Amino acid sequence: MRKITLLLLLAVYAVQSYAQGARVDIVSIKEAVADTLYYNGLKNRFKNSGLSNMHELLTLYYGQAFQDDYAPYDTAWLNEISALREEGKLMEALDKAAEIYEQRPAYLPALHSLTSIGRDAQAEESVISSINKRIGSLLAAILYSGNGKSPQTAFIVTSVSDEYMLMQMYLELEYSNKSLLENNGKYYEVFTVTPNDNYSSDKIYFDITIPFREIPEILSKEKLHDN
């Protein structure tokens, strides 16, 4: 299957990189993307032709967490797309997903929506393939961040939904339960999974410290809204 081939390519690259001591330097990325011109340039290049340099992919993916429009728990757009699909308005749903992608090209849920709706709308295979390549490159960035087998080597994500995309769509893992773990000021989601040829451990760890830090602000806004 095509997704398995992609998985193997990504896994080999990520394992080789991690074996060489690779780890995401979030502080350096935050400093780099403070240059708006630089980060917008990365976004445009990614949308136009993709990025093949891992350093740039890491900066693009993790850099989105330091943008003003970063909203990892915002599902309003997804609810809107779901409603349009249920009404059979596929082109409107596709336009909405494309709008989110245009604004936030490293946001994996938007890319996944583009491919899913694109297939339903019978979009050209070349277009779907192009988006899938971009999904693959962003997943490669996540795979580069660790191996998922401990808190110290957890896969670092900028959106909780990215956990499921990596775990279910590409590692093809089935999980029985999950739990939240706090360790040395960082937050993790830990899944109990059934090992397979793609992943050998029965636990997989995701570092959700980046999106988790948004929760107090969300709760604060909800409290102000209630008042």
Protein backbone atom coordinates (compact mmCIF):
# COMPACT_ATOMS: atom_id res chain seq x y z
CA MET A 1 0.00 0.00 0.00
CA ARG A 2 1.15 3.51 -0.80
CA LYS A 3 0.84 4.79 2.78
CA ILE A 4 2.97 1.90 4.07
CA THR A 5 5.68 2.73 1.54
CA LEU A 6 5.59 6.33 2.71
CA LEU A 7 5.72 5.19 6.33
CA LEU A 8 8.80 3.07 5.76
CA LEU A 9 10.59 5.92 3.99
CA LEU A 10 9.74 8.35 6.77
CA ALA A 11 10.60 5.89 9.53
CA VAL A 12 14.00 5.03 8.07
CA TYR A 13 14.87 8.71 7.70
CA ALA A 14 13.63 9.56 11.18
CA VAL A 15 15.37 6.65 12.89
CA GLN A 16 18.66 7.49 11.16
CA SER A 17 18.32 11.12 12.20
CA TYR A 18 17.43 10.27 15.78
CA ALA A 19 20.25 7.77 16.05
CA GLN A 20 22.61 10.63 15.25
CA GLY A 21 21.29 12.52 18.27
CA ALA A 22 18.66 14.66 16.58
CA ARG A 23 16.23 16.51 18.83
CA VAL A 24 14.01 19.51 18.24
CA ASP A 25 15.37 22.79 19.60
CA ILE A 26 12.10 24.60 20.32
CA VAL A 27 13.83 27.69 21.75
CA SER A 28 15.91 28.20 18.60
CA ILE A 29 12.85 27.70 16.41
CA LYS A 30 10.89 30.27 18.42
CA GLU A 31 13.70 32.76 17.94
CA ALA A 32 13.93 32.02 14.21
CA VAL A 33 10.22 32.47 13.48
CA ALA A 34 10.17 35.80 15.31
CA ASP A 35 11.39 36.98 11.89
CA THR A 36 7.97 37.16 10.21
CA LEU A 37 9.44 37.63 6.75
CA TYR A 38 11.52 34.46 7.11
CA TYR A 39 8.64 32.36 8.40
CA ASN A 40 6.20 33.60 5.77
CA GLY A 41 8.82 32.71 3.18
CA LEU A 42 8.96 29.15 4.50
CA LYS A 43 5.17 28.90 4.38
CA ASN A 44 5.04 30.13 0.79
CA ARG A 45 7.78 27.80 -0.38
CA PHE A 46 6.10 24.86 1.33
CA LYS A 47 2.79 25.64 -0.39
CA ASN A 48 4.39 26.24 -3.78
CA SER A 49 6.92 23.45 -4.06
CA GLY A 50 7.36 21.79 -0.65
CA LEU A 51 10.44 21.73 1.57
CA SER A 52 13.06 19.00 1.47
CA ASN A 53 15.41 20.37 4.12
CA MET A 54 14.63 18.86 7.54
CA HIS A 55 15.75 21.95 9.44
CA GLU A 56 13.27 24.04 7.47
CA LEU A 57 10.50 21.47 7.95
CA LEU A 58 11.08 21.47 11.70
CA THR A 59 11.01 25.26 11.73
CA LEU A 60 7.80 25.33 9.69
CA TYR A 61 5.97 22.70 11.73
CA TYR A 62 7.00 23.75 15.24
CA GLY A 63 7.18 27.43 14.34
CA GLN A 64 3.42 27.55 13.84
CA ALA A 65 3.06 27.30 17.62
CA PHE A 66 4.49 30.81 17.95
CA GLN A 67 2.21 32.50 15.43
CA ASP A 68 -0.72 34.72 16.37
CA ASP A 69 -3.18 32.38 14.63
CA TYR A 70 -2.02 29.28 16.51
CA ALA A 71 -5.17 27.64 17.88
CA PRO A 72 -4.65 23.89 18.42
CA TYR A 73 -8.07 23.36 20.03
CA ASP A 74 -10.13 25.39 17.57
CA THR A 75 -12.61 23.04 15.88
CA ALA A 76 -15.07 25.63 14.53
CA TRP A 77 -13.65 25.36 11.02
CA LEU A 78 -13.80 21.56 11.12
CA ASN A 79 -17.41 21.64 12.31
CA GLU A 80 -18.22 23.96 9.43
CA ILE A 81 -16.55 21.63 6.92
CA SER A 82 -18.36 18.61 8.39
CA ALA A 83 -21.70 20.38 8.07
CA LEU A 84 -20.99 21.30 4.44
CA ARG A 85 -20.04 17.71 3.64
CA GLU A 86 -23.20 16.38 5.24
CA GLU A 87 -25.19 18.80 3.06
CA GLY A 88 -23.38 17.52 -0.01
CA LYS A 89 -21.64 20.85 -0.57
CA LEU A 90 -18.26 19.32 -1.31
CA MET A 91 -16.79 22.22 -3.26
CA GLU A 92 -17.67 24.67 -0.50
CA ALA A 93 -16.12 22.30 2.04
CA LEU A 94 -13.02 21.99 -0.15
CA ASP A 95 -12.76 25.77 -0.43
CA LYS A 96 -12.95 26.12 3.36
CA ALA A 97 -10.21 23.53 3.90
CA ALA A 98 -8.09 25.26 1.25
CA GLU A 99 -8.61 28.58 3.05
CA ILE A 100 -7.30 27.13 6.32
CA TYR A 101 -4.37 25.52 4.50
CA GLU A 102 -3.51 28.82 2.81
CA GLN A 103 -3.34 30.52 6.19
CA ARG A 104 -1.76 27.65 8.14
CA PRO A 105 0.03 25.31 5.71
CA ALA A 106 1.74 23.30 8.48
CA TYR A 107 -1.58 22.52 10.19
CA LEU A 108 -1.99 18.80 9.52
CA PRO A 109 -5.77 18.56 10.16
CA ALA A 110 -6.35 21.05 7.32
CA LEU A 111 -4.15 19.07 4.93
CA HIS A 112 -5.90 15.85 5.86
CA SER A 113 -9.27 17.49 5.22
CA LEU A 114 -8.06 18.63 1.81
CA THR A 115 -7.16 15.11 0.73
CA SER A 116 -10.29 13.54 2.21
CA ILE A 117 -12.68 16.04 0.65
CA GLY A 118 -10.65 16.08 -2.56
CA ARG A 119 -11.20 12.36 -3.02
CA ASP A 120 -14.94 12.73 -2.38
CA ALA A 121 -15.07 15.61 -4.86
CA GLN A 122 -13.04 13.56 -7.39
CA ALA A 123 -10.23 16.10 -7.53
CA GLU A 124 -7.29 15.40 -9.79
CA GLU A 125 -5.01 12.70 -8.39
CA SER A 126 -1.98 14.92 -8.95
CA VAL A 127 -3.44 17.53 -6.58
CA ILE A 128 -4.19 14.94 -3.89
CA SER A 129 -0.72 13.43 -4.35
CA SER A 130 0.86 16.86 -3.91
CA ILE A 131 -0.94 17.41 -0.60
CA ASN A 132 -0.07 13.88 0.56
CA LYS A 133 3.60 14.61 -0.03
CA ARG A 134 3.33 17.65 2.18
CA ILE A 135 1.58 15.61 4.87
CA GLY A 136 4.39 13.08 4.63
CA SER A 137 7.08 15.73 5.04
CA LEU A 138 5.39 17.17 8.15
CA LEU A 139 5.02 13.70 9.65
CA ALA A 140 8.71 13.20 8.95
CA ALA A 141 9.38 16.27 11.10
CA ILE A 142 7.39 14.71 13.95
CA LEU A 143 9.18 11.38 13.52
CA TYR A 144 12.49 13.25 13.63
CA SER A 145 11.63 14.58 17.10
CA GLY A 146 11.96 11.23 18.89
CA ASN A 147 10.99 7.57 18.85
CA GLY A 148 7.92 7.66 21.09
CA LYS A 149 9.16 5.05 23.55
CA SER A 150 9.67 7.20 26.64
CA PRO A 151 8.95 10.71 27.93
CA GLN A 152 12.52 11.67 27.08
CA THR A 153 12.14 10.51 23.48
CA ALA A 154 8.45 11.31 22.98
CA PHE A 155 7.18 12.49 19.61
CA ILE A 156 6.63 16.24 19.92
CA VAL A 157 3.39 17.54 18.40
CA THR A 158 1.81 20.96 18.00
CA SER A 159 -1.74 19.58 17.88
CA VAL A 160 -3.23 16.62 19.73
CA SER A 161 -4.93 15.52 16.51
CA ASP A 162 -1.49 15.01 14.97
CA GLU A 163 -0.97 12.13 17.42
CA TYR A 164 -3.82 10.20 15.85
CA MET A 165 -2.74 10.95 12.31
CA LEU A 166 0.73 9.58 12.99
CA MET A 167 -0.42 6.69 15.16
CA GLN A 168 -3.43 5.41 13.24
CA MET A 169 -2.92 6.48 9.63
CA TYR A 170 0.81 5.80 9.31
CA LEU A 171 1.98 3.58 12.16
CA GLU A 172 -1.35 1.73 11.90
CA LEU A 173 -1.47 1.23 15.65
CA GLU A 174 -4.53 0.21 17.63
CA TYR A 175 -4.72 1.61 21.15
CA SER A 176 -6.69 0.38 24.16
CA ASN A 177 -6.34 3.34 26.52
CA LYS A 178 -4.50 6.58 27.06
CA SER A 179 -3.42 8.68 30.01
CA LEU A 180 -2.02 12.12 30.73
CA LEU A 181 1.42 12.32 32.32
CA GLU A 182 3.28 15.28 33.82
CA ASN A 183 7.03 14.93 34.10
CA ASN A 184 9.49 17.69 34.96
CA GLY A 185 7.11 20.43 33.89
CA LYS A 186 6.23 18.81 30.57
CA TYR A 187 3.01 17.10 29.59
CA TYR A 188 2.59 13.85 27.71
CA GLU A 189 -0.17 11.65 26.40
CA VAL A 190 0.68 7.99 26.72
CA PHE A 191 -1.15 5.36 24.68
CA THR A 192 -1.19 1.63 25.28
CA VAL A 193 -0.92 0.11 21.83
CA THR A 194 -0.67 -3.24 20.13
CA PRO A 195 2.86 -3.53 18.66
CA ASN A 196 3.18 -4.25 14.96
CA ASP A 197 5.82 -4.27 12.24
CA ASN A 198 5.84 -0.45 12.23
CA TYR A 199 6.22 0.09 15.98
CA SER A 200 7.67 -2.43 18.44
CA SER A 201 6.70 -1.03 21.85
CA ASP A 202 3.36 -1.39 23.66
CA LYS A 203 3.51 2.25 24.77
CA ILE A 204 3.77 5.37 22.66
CA TYR A 205 4.50 8.78 24.18
CA PHE A 206 3.59 12.16 22.72
CA ASP A 207 4.92 15.40 24.14
CA ILE A 208 1.89 17.74 24.15
CA THR A 209 3.52 20.52 26.16
CA ILE A 210 3.19 22.98 23.26
CA PRO A 211 -0.58 22.70 22.72
CA PHE A 212 -1.22 22.06 26.42
CA ARG A 213 0.08 25.51 27.31
CA GLU A 214 -2.88 27.02 25.41
CA ILE A 215 -5.46 25.52 27.79
CA PRO A 216 -5.19 28.18 30.57
CA GLU A 217 -5.74 30.93 27.99
CA ILE A 218 -8.76 29.10 26.55
CA LEU A 219 -10.25 28.63 30.01
CA SER A 220 -9.62 32.29 30.80
CA LYS A 221 -11.43 33.40 27.64
CA GLU A 222 -14.35 31.07 28.38
CA LYS A 223 -14.60 32.49 31.91
CA LEU A 224 -14.68 36.05 30.56
CA HIS A 225 -17.32 35.02 28.03
CA ASP A 226 -19.48 33.44 30.77
CA ASN A 227 -19.27 36.63 32.80
